[in-house]
Amino acid sequence: MRREKIKVRGEFIKLQDALKYSGLCMTGGHAKTAVQNGEVKVNGEICAMRGKKLRTGDVAEFDGREIEIILV
């Protein structure tokens, strides 16, 4: 599985926003649906909270791709 690191400014990024920002989902609506349908994992566990706060080191997985969050 391919993992990309994405750098984000701030204290955290919400899961739905991270999916859209990273390009794993094309739109916010697509991200919302994917999370609500249980298609997204955070740190290896299915996460149905689209507002989940991701911090440095957290890994989100969707559609065979992973992103690792790095806050700057």
C-alpha atoms as a PDB file:
ATOM      1  CA  MET A   1       0.000   0.000   0.000  1.00  0.00           C
ATOM      2  CA  ARG A   2       1.287   3.408  -0.918  1.00  0.00           C
ATOM      3  CA  ARG A   3       1.631   6.020   1.869  1.00  0.00           C
ATOM      4  CA  GLU A   4       1.909   9.732   1.262  1.00  0.00           C
ATOM      5  CA  LYS A   5       2.874  12.298   3.861  1.00  0.00           C
ATOM      6  CA  ILE A   6       0.878  15.504   3.859  1.00  0.00           C
ATOM      7  CA  LYS A   7       1.968  18.632   5.665  1.00  0.00           C
ATOM      8  CA  VAL A   8      -0.747  20.752   7.233  1.00  0.00           C
ATOM      9  CA  ARG A   9      -0.542  23.967   9.224  1.00  0.00           C
ATOM     10  CA  GLY A  10      -2.287  24.153  12.555  1.00  0.00           C
ATOM     11  CA  GLU A  11      -2.975  21.981  15.579  1.00  0.00           C
ATOM     12  CA  PHE A  12      -5.081  19.391  13.739  1.00  0.00           C
ATOM     13  CA  ILE A  13      -7.013  18.676  10.556  1.00  0.00           C
ATOM     14  CA  LYS A  14     -10.441  17.060  10.445  1.00  0.00           C
ATOM     15  CA  LEU A  15     -10.631  13.671   8.751  1.00  0.00           C
ATOM     16  CA  GLN A  16     -13.048  14.819   6.051  1.00  0.00           C
ATOM     17  CA  ASP A  17     -10.819  17.804   5.241  1.00  0.00           C
ATOM     18  CA  ALA A  18      -7.682  15.629   5.151  1.00  0.00           C
ATOM     19  CA  LEU A  19      -9.282  13.256   2.658  1.00  0.00           C
ATOM     20  CA  LYS A  20     -10.191  16.136   0.371  1.00  0.00           C
ATOM     21  CA  TYR A  21      -6.911  18.061   0.830  1.00  0.00           C
ATOM     22  CA  SER A  22      -4.797  14.991   0.074  1.00  0.00           C
ATOM     23  CA  GLY A  23      -6.767  14.088  -3.039  1.00  0.00           C
ATOM     24  CA  LEU A  24      -7.981  10.735  -1.696  1.00  0.00           C
ATOM     25  CA  CYS A  25     -11.510  12.107  -2.244  1.00  0.00           C
ATOM     26  CA  MET A  26     -12.331  14.565  -4.991  1.00  0.00           C
ATOM     27  CA  THR A  27     -14.980  16.533  -3.084  1.00  0.00           C
ATOM     28  CA  GLY A  28     -16.114  17.120   0.463  1.00  0.00           C
ATOM     29  CA  GLY A  29     -19.315  15.241  -0.341  1.00  0.00           C
ATOM     30  CA  HIS A  30     -17.347  12.219  -1.519  1.00  0.00           C
ATOM     31  CA  ALA A  31     -15.283  12.322   1.699  1.00  0.00           C
ATOM     32  CA  LYS A  32     -18.425  12.593   3.829  1.00  0.00           C
ATOM     33  CA  THR A  33     -20.034   9.604   2.115  1.00  0.00           C
ATOM     34  CA  ALA A  34     -16.881   7.478   2.315  1.00  0.00           C
ATOM     35  CA  VAL A  35     -16.527   8.111   6.062  1.00  0.00           C
ATOM     36  CA  GLN A  36     -20.216   7.531   6.795  1.00  0.00           C
ATOM     37  CA  ASN A  37     -20.148   4.259   4.826  1.00  0.00           C
ATOM     38  CA  GLY A  38     -17.267   2.933   6.941  1.00  0.00           C
ATOM     39  CA  GLU A  39     -14.801   2.918   4.047  1.00  0.00           C
ATOM     40  CA  VAL A  40     -12.119   4.952   5.853  1.00  0.00           C
ATOM     41  CA  LYS A  41      -9.661   3.768   8.480  1.00  0.00           C
ATOM     42  CA  VAL A  42      -7.698   5.912  10.900  1.00  0.00           C
ATOM     43  CA  ASN A  43      -4.679   4.287  12.502  1.00  0.00           C
ATOM     44  CA  GLY A  44      -5.874   0.875  11.316  1.00  0.00           C
ATOM     45  CA  GLU A  45      -9.455   1.098  12.616  1.00  0.00           C
ATOM     46  CA  ILE A  46     -12.637   2.020  10.742  1.00  0.00           C
ATOM     47  CA  CYS A  47     -13.642   5.561  11.634  1.00  0.00           C
ATOM     48  CA  ALA A  48     -17.154   6.898  11.026  1.00  0.00           C
ATOM     49  CA  MET A  49     -16.478  10.356  12.514  1.00  0.00           C
ATOM     50  CA  ARG A  50     -15.791  12.733   9.630  1.00  0.00           C
ATOM     51  CA  GLY A  51     -14.913  15.488  12.118  1.00  0.00           C
ATOM     52  CA  LYS A  52     -12.254  13.355  13.838  1.00  0.00           C
ATOM     53  CA  LYS A  53      -9.206  15.472  14.574  1.00  0.00           C
ATOM     54  CA  LEU A  54      -6.038  14.096  13.020  1.00  0.00           C
ATOM     55  CA  ARG A  55      -2.678  15.085  14.439  1.00  0.00           C
ATOM     56  CA  THR A  56       0.967  14.425  13.555  1.00  0.00           C
ATOM     57  CA  GLY A  57       1.605  10.727  13.009  1.00  0.00           C
ATOM     58  CA  ASP A  58      -2.026   9.757  12.407  1.00  0.00           C
ATOM     59  CA  VAL A  59      -2.583   7.635   9.299  1.00  0.00           C
ATOM     60  CA  ALA A  60      -5.809   7.653   7.278  1.00  0.00           C
ATOM     61  CA  GLU A  61      -6.543   4.943   4.722  1.00  0.00           C
ATOM     62  CA  PHE A  62      -9.043   4.938   1.870  1.00  0.00           C
ATOM     63  CA  ASP A  63      -9.320   3.105  -1.438  1.00  0.00           C
ATOM     64  CA  GLY A  64      -5.934   1.374  -1.149  1.00  0.00           C
ATOM     65  CA  ARG A  65      -4.028   4.560  -0.329  1.00  0.00           C
ATOM     66  CA  GLU A  66      -2.710   5.928   2.952  1.00  0.00           C
ATOM     67  CA  ILE A  67      -1.865   9.418   4.109  1.00  0.00           C
ATOM     68  CA  GLU A  68       0.234  10.281   7.129  1.00  0.00           C
ATOM     69  CA  ILE A  69      -0.406  13.625   8.763  1.00  0.00           C
ATOM     70  CA  ILE A  70       2.476  15.959   9.563  1.00  0.00           C
ATOM     71  CA  LEU A  71       1.514  19.225  11.250  1.00  0.00           C
ATOM     72  CA  VAL A  72       3.812  22.199  10.811  1.00  0.00           C
END
